Amino acid sequence: MARVVWHVPVTASGTGGTAALRLFHLRDGRRCAVGFSSPEALVALLGPDQGHVELGEPALRDLTVPLGIDTLVVDPRLVAPSVTVPFVTAPPAATPAAPPVPAPTVRFQHR
């Protein structure tokens, strides 16, 4: 029987000597790990610069369970709405402020 291998996204350390699993969030906020059935599927969603390692499901679960992550997603799709820049209009011209009202003048009478 062929062993199923997933392509799992990782982030590399600054020196490139170590890698850490890249974790994601579900819509309800829970963290999850993801795996892709092919390197092409990983690149299609995360881009060509995304590093990855090949892991079987048991190995991936062994890495995520101690972190409190019990959900694995295979071949996820982007579900976030597209980010659009709202149309910005110029603010309305400022209406001139009313001229300040002078403070009443107080005069003292000397007796």
PDB file of N, CA and C in Angstrom:
ATOM      1  N   MET A   1       0.840  -1.184   0.000  1.00  0.00           N
ATOM      2  CA  MET A   1       0.000   0.000   0.000  1.00  0.00           C
ATOM      3  C   MET A   1       0.885   1.247   0.000  1.00  0.00           C
ATOM      4  N   ALA A   2       0.556   2.207  -0.851  1.00  0.00           N
ATOM      5  CA  ALA A   2       1.342   3.435  -0.957  1.00  0.00           C
ATOM      6  C   ALA A   2       1.080   4.332   0.241  1.00  0.00           C
ATOM      7  N   ARG A   3       2.114   4.946   0.713  1.00  0.00           N
ATOM      8  CA  ARG A   3       1.995   5.864   1.841  1.00  0.00           C
ATOM      9  C   ARG A   3       1.539   7.227   1.320  1.00  0.00           C
ATOM     10  N   VAL A   4       0.549   7.798   1.964  1.00  0.00           N
ATOM     11  CA  VAL A   4       0.045   9.108   1.563  1.00  0.00           C
ATOM     12  C   VAL A   4       0.922  10.177   2.205  1.00  0.00           C
ATOM     13  N   VAL A   5       1.418  11.064   1.391  1.00  0.00           N
ATOM     14  CA  VAL A   5       2.287  12.144   1.862  1.00  0.00           C
ATOM     15  C   VAL A   5       1.616  13.467   1.542  1.00  0.00           C
ATOM     16  N   TRP A   6       1.602  14.336   2.530  1.00  0.00           N
ATOM     17  CA  TRP A   6       1.065  15.675   2.326  1.00  0.00           C
ATOM     18  C   TRP A   6       2.218  16.659   2.251  1.00  0.00           C
ATOM     19  N   HIS A   7       1.989  17.714   1.513  1.00  0.00           N
ATOM     20  CA  HIS A   7       2.952  18.806   1.412  1.00  0.00           C
ATOM     21  C   HIS A   7       2.464  19.874   2.384  1.00  0.00           C
ATOM     22  N   VAL A   8       3.218  20.057   3.467  1.00  0.00           N
ATOM     23  CA  VAL A   8       2.789  20.894   4.592  1.00  0.00           C
ATOM     24  C   VAL A   8       3.605  22.181   4.599  1.00  0.00           C
ATOM     25  N   PRO A   9       2.940  23.350   4.617  1.00  0.00           N
ATOM     26  CA  PRO A   9       3.665  24.624   4.620  1.00  0.00           C
ATOM     27  C   PRO A   9       4.427  24.827   5.930  1.00  0.00           C
ATOM     28  N   VAL A  10       5.637  25.371   5.789  1.00  0.00           N
ATOM     29  CA  VAL A  10       6.474  25.686   6.946  1.00  0.00           C
ATOM     30  C   VAL A  10       7.069  27.069   6.772  1.00  0.00           C
ATOM     31  N   THR A  11       7.524  27.623   7.875  1.00  0.00           N
ATOM     32  CA  THR A  11       8.287  28.867   7.836  1.00  0.00           C
ATOM     33  C   THR A  11       9.706  28.528   8.265  1.00  0.00           C
ATOM     34  N   ALA A  12      10.672  29.112   7.628  1.00  0.00           N
ATOM     35  CA  ALA A  12      12.073  28.846   7.947  1.00  0.00           C
ATOM     36  C   ALA A  12      12.591  29.883   8.930  1.00  0.00           C
ATOM     37  N   SER A  13      13.546  29.470   9.745  1.00  0.00           N
ATOM     38  CA  SER A  13      14.172  30.407  10.669  1.00  0.00           C
ATOM     39  C   SER A  13      15.004  31.402   9.870  1.00  0.00           C
ATOM     40  N   GLY A  14      15.462  32.432  10.529  1.00  0.00           N
ATOM     41  CA  GLY A  14      16.267  33.457   9.862  1.00  0.00           C
ATOM     42  C   GLY A  14      17.523  32.896   9.222  1.00  0.00           C
ATOM     43  N   THR A  15      18.105  31.865   9.843  1.00  0.00           N
ATOM     44  CA  THR A  15      19.321  31.270   9.292  1.00  0.00           C
ATOM     45  C   THR A  15      19.001  30.149   8.317  1.00  0.00           C
ATOM     46  N   GLY A  16      17.726  29.717   8.277  1.00  0.00           N
ATOM     47  CA  GLY A  16      17.336  28.651   7.373  1.00  0.00           C
ATOM     48  C   GLY A  16      17.647  27.265   7.898  1.00  0.00           C
ATOM     49  N   GLY A  17      18.155  27.166   9.126  1.00  0.00           N
ATOM     50  CA  GLY A  17      18.535  25.877   9.679  1.00  0.00           C
ATOM     51  C   GLY A  17      17.383  25.072  10.247  1.00  0.00           C
ATOM     52  N   THR A  18      16.295  25.737  10.610  1.00  0.00           N
ATOM     53  CA  THR A  18      15.145  25.031  11.169  1.00  0.00           C
ATOM     54  C   THR A  18      13.872  25.510  10.496  1.00  0.00           C
ATOM     55  N   ALA A  19      12.846  24.682  10.602  1.00  0.00           N
ATOM     56  CA  ALA A  19      11.549  25.029  10.015  1.00  0.00           C
ATOM     57  C   ALA A  19      10.470  24.791  11.061  1.00  0.00           C
ATOM     58  N   ALA A  20       9.422  25.580  11.004  1.00  0.00           N
ATOM     59  CA  ALA A  20       8.276  25.428  11.899  1.00  0.00           C
ATOM     60  C   ALA A  20       7.019  25.304  11.051  1.00  0.00           C
ATOM     61  N   LEU A  21       6.069  24.517  11.530  1.00  0.00           N
ATOM     62  CA  LEU A  21       4.803  24.383  10.813  1.00  0.00           C
ATOM     63  C   LEU A  21       4.132  25.734  10.694  1.00  0.00           C
ATOM     64  N   ARG A  22       3.570  25.991   9.569  1.00  0.00           N
ATOM     65  CA  ARG A  22       2.756  27.195   9.401  1.00  0.00           C
ATOM     66  C   ARG A  22       1.328  26.785   9.723  1.00  0.00           C
ATOM     67  N   LEU A  23       0.755  27.396  10.728  1.00  0.00           N
ATOM     68  CA  LEU A  23      -0.595  27.060  11.161  1.00  0.00           C
ATOM     69  C   LEU A  23      -1.571  28.113  10.665  1.00  0.00           C
ATOM     70  N   PHE A  24      -2.833  27.726  10.583  1.00  0.00           N
ATOM     71  CA  PHE A  24      -3.868  28.598  10.050  1.00  0.00           C
ATOM     72  C   PHE A  24      -5.045  28.626  11.015  1.00  0.00           C
ATOM     73  N   HIS A  25      -6.051  29.436  10.700  1.00  0.00           N
ATOM     74  CA  HIS A  25      -7.259  29.534  11.508  1.00  0.00           C
ATOM     75  C   HIS A  25      -8.483  29.167  10.673  1.00  0.00           C
ATOM     76  N   LEU A  26      -9.419  28.489  11.320  1.00  0.00           N
ATOM     77  CA  LEU A  26     -10.707  28.218  10.701  1.00  0.00           C
ATOM     78  C   LEU A  26     -11.593  29.445  10.870  1.00  0.00           C
ATOM     79  N   ARG A  27     -12.737  29.456  10.219  1.00  0.00           N
ATOM     80  CA  ARG A  27     -13.642  30.609  10.327  1.00  0.00           C
ATOM     81  C   ARG A  27     -14.072  30.876  11.759  1.00  0.00           C
ATOM     82  N   ASP A  28     -14.192  29.802  12.560  1.00  0.00           N
ATOM     83  CA  ASP A  28     -14.628  29.991  13.940  1.00  0.00           C
ATOM     84  C   ASP A  28     -13.482  30.386  14.871  1.00  0.00           C
ATOM     85  N   GLY A  29     -12.282  30.577  14.329  1.00  0.00           N
ATOM     86  CA  GLY A  29     -11.151  31.054  15.110  1.00  0.00           C
ATOM     87  C   GLY A  29     -10.218  29.959  15.605  1.00  0.00           C
ATOM     88  N   ARG A  30     -10.630  28.695  15.533  1.00  0.00           N
ATOM     89  CA  ARG A  30      -9.754  27.616  15.986  1.00  0.00           C
ATOM     90  C   ARG A  30      -8.566  27.474  15.042  1.00  0.00           C
ATOM     91  N   ARG A  31      -7.424  27.087  15.621  1.00  0.00           N
ATOM     92  CA  ARG A  31      -6.237  26.867  14.799  1.00  0.00           C
ATOM     93  C   ARG A  31      -6.320  25.501  14.133  1.00  0.00           C
ATOM     94  N   CYS A  32      -5.693  25.387  12.971  1.00  0.00           N
ATOM     95  CA  CYS A  32      -5.658  24.116  12.256  1.00  0.00           C
ATOM     96  C   CYS A  32      -4.343  24.020  11.494  1.00  0.00           C
ATOM     97  N   ALA A  33      -4.010  22.790  11.140  1.00  0.00           N
ATOM     98  CA  ALA A  33      -2.857  22.546  10.269  1.00  0.00           C
ATOM     99  C   ALA A  33      -3.400  22.189   8.897  1.00  0.00           C
ATOM    100  N   VAL A  34      -2.627  22.461   7.870  1.00  0.00           N
ATOM    101  CA  VAL A  34      -3.071  22.139   6.516  1.00  0.00           C
ATOM    102  C   VAL A  34      -2.028  21.284   5.815  1.00  0.00           C
ATOM    103  N   GLY A  35      -2.508  20.505   4.884  1.00  0.00           N
ATOM    104  CA  GLY A  35      -1.655  19.707   4.033  1.00  0.00           C
ATOM    105  C   GLY A  35      -2.202  19.771   2.616  1.00  0.00           C
ATOM    106  N   PHE A  36      -1.327  19.660   1.656  1.00  0.00           N
ATOM    107  CA  PHE A  36      -1.733  19.705   0.258  1.00  0.00           C
ATOM    108  C   PHE A  36      -1.376  18.377  -0.396  1.00  0.00           C
ATOM    109  N   SER A  37      -2.217  17.942  -1.303  1.00  0.00           N
ATOM    110  CA  SER A  37      -2.001  16.663  -1.968  1.00  0.00           C
ATOM    111  C   SER A  37      -0.882  16.729  -3.003  1.00  0.00           C
ATOM    112  N   SER A  38      -0.506  17.935  -3.403  1.00  0.00           N
ATOM    113  CA  SER A  38       0.585  18.078  -4.369  1.00  0.00           C
ATOM    114  C   SER A  38       1.284  19.416  -4.146  1.00  0.00           C
ATOM    115  N   PRO A  39       2.535  19.506  -4.566  1.00  0.00           N
ATOM    116  CA  PRO A  39       3.224  20.801  -4.455  1.00  0.00           C
ATOM    117  C   PRO A  39       2.530  21.872  -5.292  1.00  0.00           C
ATOM    118  N   GLU A  40       1.928  21.470  -6.407  1.00  0.00           N
ATOM    119  CA  GLU A  40       1.239  22.438  -7.271  1.00  0.00           C
ATOM    120  C   GLU A  40       0.036  23.060  -6.556  1.00  0.00           C
ATOM    121  N   ALA A  41      -0.684  22.248  -5.790  1.00  0.00           N
ATOM    122  CA  ALA A  41      -1.834  22.775  -5.045  1.00  0.00           C
ATOM    123  C   ALA A  41      -1.367  23.762  -3.983  1.00  0.00           C
ATOM    124  N   LEU A  42      -0.247  23.476  -3.340  1.00  0.00           N
ATOM    125  CA  LEU A  42       0.300  24.381  -2.327  1.00  0.00           C
ATOM    126  C   LEU A  42       0.701  25.703  -2.971  1.00  0.00           C
ATOM    127  N   VAL A  43       1.413  25.632  -4.087  1.00  0.00           N
ATOM    128  CA  VAL A  43       1.866  26.843  -4.782  1.00  0.00           C
ATOM    129  C   VAL A  43       0.677  27.659  -5.283  1.00  0.00           C
ATOM    130  N   ALA A  44      -0.365  26.984  -5.768  1.00  0.00           N
ATOM    131  CA  ALA A  44      -1.530  27.697  -6.292  1.00  0.00           C
ATOM    132  C   ALA A  44      -2.194  28.557  -5.219  1.00  0.00           C
ATOM    133  N   LEU A  45      -2.178  28.094  -3.976  1.00  0.00           N
ATOM    134  CA  LEU A  45      -2.846  28.855  -2.915  1.00  0.00           C
ATOM    135  C   LEU A  45      -1.895  29.780  -2.173  1.00  0.00           C
ATOM    136  N   LEU A  46      -0.681  29.332  -1.898  1.00  0.00           N
ATOM    137  CA  LEU A  46       0.220  30.097  -1.035  1.00  0.00           C
ATOM    138  C   LEU A  46       1.381  30.757  -1.763  1.00  0.00           C
ATOM    139  N   GLY A  47       1.539  30.463  -3.040  1.00  0.00           N
ATOM    140  CA  GLY A  47       2.579  31.121  -3.816  1.00  0.00           C
ATOM    141  C   GLY A  47       3.856  30.301  -3.922  1.00  0.00           C
ATOM    142  N   PRO A  48       4.694  30.635  -4.896  1.00  0.00           N
ATOM    143  CA  PRO A  48       5.885  29.846  -5.178  1.00  0.00           C
ATOM    144  C   PRO A  48       6.985  29.948  -4.122  1.00  0.00           C
ATOM    145  N   ASP A  49       6.944  30.979  -3.287  1.00  0.00           N
ATOM    146  CA  ASP A  49       7.990  31.150  -2.277  1.00  0.00           C
ATOM    147  C   ASP A  49       7.682  30.444  -0.963  1.00  0.00           C
ATOM    148  N   GLN A  50       6.513  29.806  -0.869  1.00  0.00           N
ATOM    149  CA  GLN A  50       6.133  29.130   0.371  1.00  0.00           C
ATOM    150  C   GLN A  50       6.919  27.834   0.523  1.00  0.00           C
ATOM    151  N   GLY A  51       7.693  27.730   1.610  1.00  0.00           N
ATOM    152  CA  GLY A  51       8.428  26.507   1.888  1.00  0.00           C
ATOM    153  C   GLY A  51       7.474  25.416   2.363  1.00  0.00           C
ATOM    154  N   HIS A  52       7.882  24.157   2.178  1.00  0.00           N
ATOM    155  CA  HIS A  52       7.042  23.060   2.648  1.00  0.00           C
ATOM    156  C   HIS A  52       7.888  21.822   2.904  1.00  0.00           C
ATOM    157  N   VAL A  53       7.326  20.929   3.701  1.00  0.00           N
ATOM    158  CA  VAL A  53       7.940  19.631   3.956  1.00  0.00           C
ATOM    159  C   VAL A  53       6.911  18.563   3.626  1.00  0.00           C
ATOM    160  N   GLU A  54       7.386  17.349   3.411  1.00  0.00           N
ATOM    161  CA  GLU A  54       6.481  16.231   3.147  1.00  0.00           C
ATOM    162  C   GLU A  54       6.296  15.445   4.439  1.00  0.00           C
ATOM    163  N   LEU A  55       5.038  15.303   4.854  1.00  0.00           N
ATOM    164  CA  LEU A  55       4.708  14.570   6.073  1.00  0.00           C
ATOM    165  C   LEU A  55       3.505  13.684   5.823  1.00  0.00           C
ATOM    166  N   GLY A  56       3.477  12.560   6.498  1.00  0.00           N
ATOM    167  CA  GLY A  56       2.283  11.730   6.508  1.00  0.00           C
ATOM    168  C   GLY A  56       1.340  12.240   7.585  1.00  0.00           C
ATOM    169  N   GLU A  57       0.076  11.824   7.531  1.00  0.00           N
ATOM    170  CA  GLU A  57      -0.903  12.287   8.516  1.00  0.00           C
ATOM    171  C   GLU A  57      -0.484  11.968   9.948  1.00  0.00           C
ATOM    172  N   PRO A  58      -0.005  10.753  10.245  1.00  0.00           N
ATOM    173  CA  PRO A  58       0.374  10.478  11.640  1.00  0.00           C
ATOM    174  C   PRO A  58       1.448  11.434  12.151  1.00  0.00           C
ATOM    175  N   ALA A  59       2.439  11.758  11.322  1.00  0.00           N
ATOM    176  CA  ALA A  59       3.497  12.676  11.746  1.00  0.00           C
ATOM    177  C   ALA A  59       2.948  14.075  11.980  1.00  0.00           C
ATOM    178  N   LEU A  60       2.077  14.532  11.091  1.00  0.00           N
ATOM    179  CA  LEU A  60       1.496  15.861  11.251  1.00  0.00           C
ATOM    180  C   LEU A  60       0.649  15.928  12.516  1.00  0.00           C
ATOM    181  N   ARG A  61      -0.137  14.901  12.781  1.00  0.00           N
ATOM    182  CA  ARG A  61      -0.928  14.870  14.020  1.00  0.00           C
ATOM    183  C   ARG A  61      -0.025  14.846  15.253  1.00  0.00           C
ATOM    184  N   ASP A  62       1.067  14.086  15.190  1.00  0.00           N
ATOM    185  CA  ASP A  62       1.996  14.042  16.321  1.00  0.00           C
ATOM    186  C   ASP A  62       2.586  15.415  16.623  1.00  0.00           C
ATOM    187  N   LEU A  63       2.758  16.230  15.606  1.00  0.00           N
ATOM    188  CA  LEU A  63       3.303  17.576  15.793  1.00  0.00           C
ATOM    189  C   LEU A  63       2.265  18.578  16.282  1.00  0.00           C
ATOM    190  N   THR A  64       0.997  18.378  15.913  1.00  0.00           N
ATOM    191  CA  THR A  64      -0.014  19.391  16.234  1.00  0.00           C
ATOM    192  C   THR A  64      -0.809  19.124  17.506  1.00  0.00           C
ATOM    193  N   VAL A  65      -0.991  17.866  17.870  1.00  0.00           N
ATOM    194  CA  VAL A  65      -1.789  17.555  19.070  1.00  0.00           C
ATOM    195  C   VAL A  65      -1.217  18.209  20.326  1.00  0.00           C
ATOM    196  N   PRO A  66       0.099  18.194  20.571  1.00  0.00           N
ATOM    197  CA  PRO A  66       0.610  18.869  21.768  1.00  0.00           C
ATOM    198  C   PRO A  66       0.337  20.376  21.789  1.00  0.00           C
ATOM    199  N   LEU A  67       0.057  20.941  20.632  1.00  0.00           N
ATOM    200  CA  LEU A  67      -0.256  22.374  20.556  1.00  0.00           C
ATOM    201  C   LEU A  67      -1.744  22.648  20.733  1.00  0.00           C
ATOM    202  N   GLY A  68      -2.511  21.587  20.953  1.00  0.00           N
ATOM    203  CA  GLY A  68      -3.956  21.738  21.112  1.00  0.00           C
ATOM    204  C   GLY A  68      -4.693  21.823  19.793  1.00  0.00           C
ATOM    205  N   ILE A  69      -4.056  21.409  18.725  1.00  0.00           N
ATOM    206  CA  ILE A  69      -4.671  21.475  17.395  1.00  0.00           C
ATOM    207  C   ILE A  69      -5.091  20.068  16.995  1.00  0.00           C
ATOM    208  N   ASP A  70      -6.390  19.896  16.786  1.00  0.00           N
ATOM    209  CA  ASP A  70      -6.878  18.568  16.412  1.00  0.00           C
ATOM    210  C   ASP A  70      -7.541  18.554  15.037  1.00  0.00           C
ATOM    211  N   THR A  71      -7.453  19.651  14.313  1.00  0.00           N
ATOM    212  CA  THR A  71      -8.083  19.738  13.000  1.00  0.00           C
ATOM    213  C   THR A  71      -7.019  19.851  11.918  1.00  0.00           C
ATOM    214  N   LEU A  72      -7.125  18.959  10.943  1.00  0.00           N
ATOM    215  CA  LEU A  72      -6.254  18.994   9.778  1.00  0.00           C
ATOM    216  C   LEU A  72      -7.120  19.227   8.546  1.00  0.00           C
ATOM    217  N   VAL A  73      -6.693  20.112   7.686  1.00  0.00           N
ATOM    218  CA  VAL A  73      -7.438  20.428   6.476  1.00  0.00           C
ATOM    219  C   VAL A  73      -6.562  20.062   5.284  1.00  0.00           C
ATOM    220  N   VAL A  74      -7.122  19.272   4.369  1.00  0.00           N
ATOM    221  CA  VAL A  74      -6.384  18.866   3.176  1.00  0.00           C
ATOM    222  C   VAL A  74      -6.886  19.678   1.982  1.00  0.00           C
ATOM    223  N   ASP A  75      -5.949  20.205   1.230  1.00  0.00           N
ATOM    224  CA  ASP A  75      -6.238  21.016   0.042  1.00  0.00           C
ATOM    225  C   ASP A  75      -7.263  22.120   0.326  1.00  0.00           C
ATOM    226  N   PRO A  76      -6.941  23.027   1.254  1.00  0.00           N
ATOM    227  CA  PRO A  76      -7.883  24.108   1.559  1.00  0.00           C
ATOM    228  C   PRO A  76      -8.031  25.051   0.376  1.00  0.00           C
ATOM    229  N   ARG A  77      -9.111  25.755   0.370  1.00  0.00           N
ATOM    230  CA  ARG A  77      -9.363  26.799  -0.617  1.00  0.00           C
ATOM    231  C   ARG A  77      -9.434  28.118   0.124  1.00  0.00           C
ATOM    232  N   LEU A  78      -9.066  29.170  -0.541  1.00  0.00           N
ATOM    233  CA  LEU A  78      -9.169  30.489   0.055  1.00  0.00           C
ATOM    234  C   LEU A  78     -10.644  30.826   0.202  1.00  0.00           C
ATOM    235  N   VAL A  79     -11.058  31.151   1.408  1.00  0.00           N
ATOM    236  CA  VAL A  79     -12.469  31.442   1.641  1.00  0.00           C
ATOM    237  C   VAL A  79     -12.705  32.876   2.081  1.00  0.00           C
ATOM    238  N   ALA A  80     -11.658  33.610   2.280  1.00  0.00           N
ATOM    239  CA  ALA A  80     -11.821  34.996   2.698  1.00  0.00           C
ATOM    240  C   ALA A  80     -12.337  35.818   1.530  1.00  0.00           C
ATOM    241  N   PRO A  81     -13.174  36.804   1.811  1.00  0.00           N
ATOM    242  CA  PRO A  81     -13.627  37.659   0.713  1.00  0.00           C
ATOM    243  C   PRO A  81     -12.459  38.463   0.160  1.00  0.00           C
ATOM    244  N   SER A  82     -12.572  38.817  -1.087  1.00  0.00           N
ATOM    245  CA  SER A  82     -11.530  39.628  -1.708  1.00  0.00           C
ATOM    246  C   SER A  82     -11.411  40.953  -0.988  1.00  0.00           C
ATOM    247  N   VAL A  83     -10.187  41.397  -0.880  1.00  0.00           N
ATOM    248  CA  VAL A  83      -9.946  42.693  -0.257  1.00  0.00           C
ATOM    249  C   VAL A  83     -10.084  43.742  -1.338  1.00  0.00           C
ATOM    250  N   THR A  84     -10.974  44.688  -1.113  1.00  0.00           N
ATOM    251  CA  THR A  84     -11.150  45.766  -2.074  1.00  0.00           C
ATOM    252  C   THR A  84     -10.914  47.087  -1.373  1.00  0.00           C
ATOM    253  N   VAL A  85     -10.408  48.005  -2.115  1.00  0.00           N
ATOM    254  CA  VAL A  85     -10.181  49.337  -1.570  1.00  0.00           C
ATOM    255  C   VAL A  85     -11.463  50.126  -1.779  1.00  0.00           C
ATOM    256  N   PRO A  86     -12.058  50.622  -0.695  1.00  0.00           N
ATOM    257  CA  PRO A  86     -13.297  51.380  -0.868  1.00  0.00           C
ATOM    258  C   PRO A  86     -13.041  52.666  -1.639  1.00  0.00           C
ATOM    259  N   PHE A  87     -14.054  53.061  -2.386  1.00  0.00           N
ATOM    260  CA  PHE A  87     -13.966  54.306  -3.129  1.00  0.00           C
ATOM    261  C   PHE A  87     -13.991  55.451  -2.122  1.00  0.00           C
ATOM    262  N   VAL A  88     -12.986  56.286  -2.181  1.00  0.00           N
ATOM    263  CA  VAL A  88     -12.878  57.387  -1.232  1.00  0.00           C
ATOM    264  C   VAL A  88     -13.196  58.671  -1.958  1.00  0.00           C
ATOM    265  N   THR A  89     -14.142  59.398  -1.417  1.00  0.00           N
ATOM    266  CA  THR A  89     -14.464  60.699  -2.000  1.00  0.00           C
ATOM    267  C   THR A  89     -13.823  61.779  -1.147  1.00  0.00           C
ATOM    268  N   ALA A  90     -13.640  62.902  -1.753  1.00  0.00           N
ATOM    269  CA  ALA A  90     -13.072  64.027  -1.014  1.00  0.00           C
ATOM    270  C   ALA A  90     -14.087  64.477   0.029  1.00  0.00           C
ATOM    271  N   PRO A  91     -13.608  64.846   1.183  1.00  0.00           N
ATOM    272  CA  PRO A  91     -14.545  65.325   2.201  1.00  0.00           C
ATOM    273  C   PRO A  91     -15.225  66.594   1.717  1.00  0.00           C
ATOM    274  N   PRO A  92     -16.470  66.800   2.146  1.00  0.00           N
ATOM    275  CA  PRO A  92     -17.148  68.024   1.716  1.00  0.00           C
ATOM    276  C   PRO A  92     -16.364  69.245   2.178  1.00  0.00           C
ATOM    277  N   ALA A  93     -16.484  70.297   1.393  1.00  0.00           N
ATOM    278  CA  ALA A  93     -15.783  71.533   1.757  1.00  0.00           C
ATOM    279  C   ALA A  93     -16.231  71.964   3.137  1.00  0.00           C
ATOM    280  N   ALA A  94     -15.281  72.334   3.910  1.00  0.00           N
ATOM    281  CA  ALA A  94     -15.600  72.748   5.280  1.00  0.00           C
ATOM    282  C   ALA A  94     -16.400  74.044   5.231  1.00  0.00           C
ATOM    283  N   THR A  95     -17.474  74.063   5.986  1.00  0.00           N
ATOM    284  CA  THR A  95     -18.263  75.286   6.053  1.00  0.00           C
ATOM    285  C   THR A  95     -17.548  76.247   6.983  1.00  0.00           C
ATOM    286  N   PRO A  96     -17.510  77.503   6.605  1.00  0.00           N
ATOM    287  CA  PRO A  96     -16.793  78.445   7.468  1.00  0.00           C
ATOM    288  C   PRO A  96     -17.459  78.518   8.834  1.00  0.00           C
ATOM    289  N   ALA A  97     -16.645  78.528   9.819  1.00  0.00           N
ATOM    290  CA  ALA A  97     -17.157  78.612  11.188  1.00  0.00           C
ATOM    291  C   ALA A  97     -17.687  80.020  11.432  1.00  0.00           C
ATOM    292  N   ALA A  98     -18.683  80.091  12.290  1.00  0.00           N
ATOM    293  CA  ALA A  98     -19.226  81.400  12.657  1.00  0.00           C
ATOM    294  C   ALA A  98     -18.125  82.194  13.347  1.00  0.00           C
ATOM    295  N   PRO A  99     -18.112  83.500  13.109  1.00  0.00           N
ATOM    296  CA  PRO A  99     -17.066  84.298  13.756  1.00  0.00           C
ATOM    297  C   PRO A  99     -17.222  84.206  15.282  1.00  0.00           C
ATOM    298  N   PRO A 100     -16.126  84.211  15.980  1.00  0.00           N
ATOM    299  CA  PRO A 100     -16.218  84.104  17.434  1.00  0.00           C
ATOM    300  C   PRO A 100     -16.973  85.292  18.025  1.00  0.00           C
ATOM    301  N   VAL A 101     -17.722  84.971  19.025  1.00  0.00           N
ATOM    302  CA  VAL A 101     -18.469  86.026  19.713  1.00  0.00           C
ATOM    303  C   VAL A 101     -17.545  86.638  20.744  1.00  0.00           C
ATOM    304  N   PRO A 102     -17.378  87.949  20.695  1.00  0.00           N
ATOM    305  CA  PRO A 102     -16.468  88.560  21.667  1.00  0.00           C
ATOM    306  C   PRO A 102     -17.045  88.451  23.071  1.00  0.00           C
ATOM    307  N   ALA A 103     -16.165  88.290  24.012  1.00  0.00           N
ATOM    308  CA  ALA A 103     -16.604  88.201  25.404  1.00  0.00           C
ATOM    309  C   ALA A 103     -17.158  89.566  25.799  1.00  0.00           C
ATOM    310  N   PRO A 104     -18.183  89.553  26.622  1.00  0.00           N
ATOM    311  CA  PRO A 104     -18.740  90.855  27.028  1.00  0.00           C
ATOM    312  C   PRO A 104     -17.690  91.654  27.786  1.00  0.00           C
ATOM    313  N   THR A 105     -17.738  92.950  27.524  1.00  0.00           N
ATOM    314  CA  THR A 105     -16.795  93.828  28.190  1.00  0.00           C
ATOM    315  C   THR A 105     -17.391  94.232  29.529  1.00  0.00           C
ATOM    316  N   VAL A 106     -16.641  94.087  30.552  1.00  0.00           N
ATOM    317  CA  VAL A 106     -17.107  94.455  31.899  1.00  0.00           C
ATOM    318  C   VAL A 106     -16.416  95.734  32.289  1.00  0.00           C
ATOM    319  N   ARG A 107     -17.211  96.713  32.705  1.00  0.00           N
ATOM    320  CA  ARG A 107     -16.651  97.987  33.140  1.00  0.00           C
ATOM    321  C   ARG A 107     -16.989  98.196  34.603  1.00  0.00           C
ATOM    322  N   PHE A 108     -16.020  98.618  35.301  1.00  0.00           N
ATOM    323  CA  PHE A 108     -16.222  98.920  36.709  1.00  0.00           C
ATOM    324  C   PHE A 108     -16.331 100.427  36.879  1.00  0.00           C
ATOM    325  N   GLN A 109     -17.239 100.797  37.713  1.00  0.00           N
ATOM    326  CA  GLN A 109     -17.383 102.206  38.009  1.00  0.00           C
ATOM    327  C   GLN A 109     -16.698 102.485  39.337  1.00  0.00           C
ATOM    328  N   HIS A 110     -15.941 103.528  39.350  1.00  0.00           N
ATOM    329  CA  HIS A 110     -15.304 103.923  40.589  1.00  0.00           C
ATOM    330  C   HIS A 110     -16.190 104.945  41.262  1.00  0.00           C
ATOM    331  N   ARG A 111     -16.372 104.800  42.515  1.00  0.00           N
ATOM    332  CA  ARG A 111     -17.188 105.777  43.242  1.00  0.00           C
ATOM    333  C   ARG A 111     -16.370 106.626  44.121  1.00  0.00           C
TER     334      ARG A 111
END
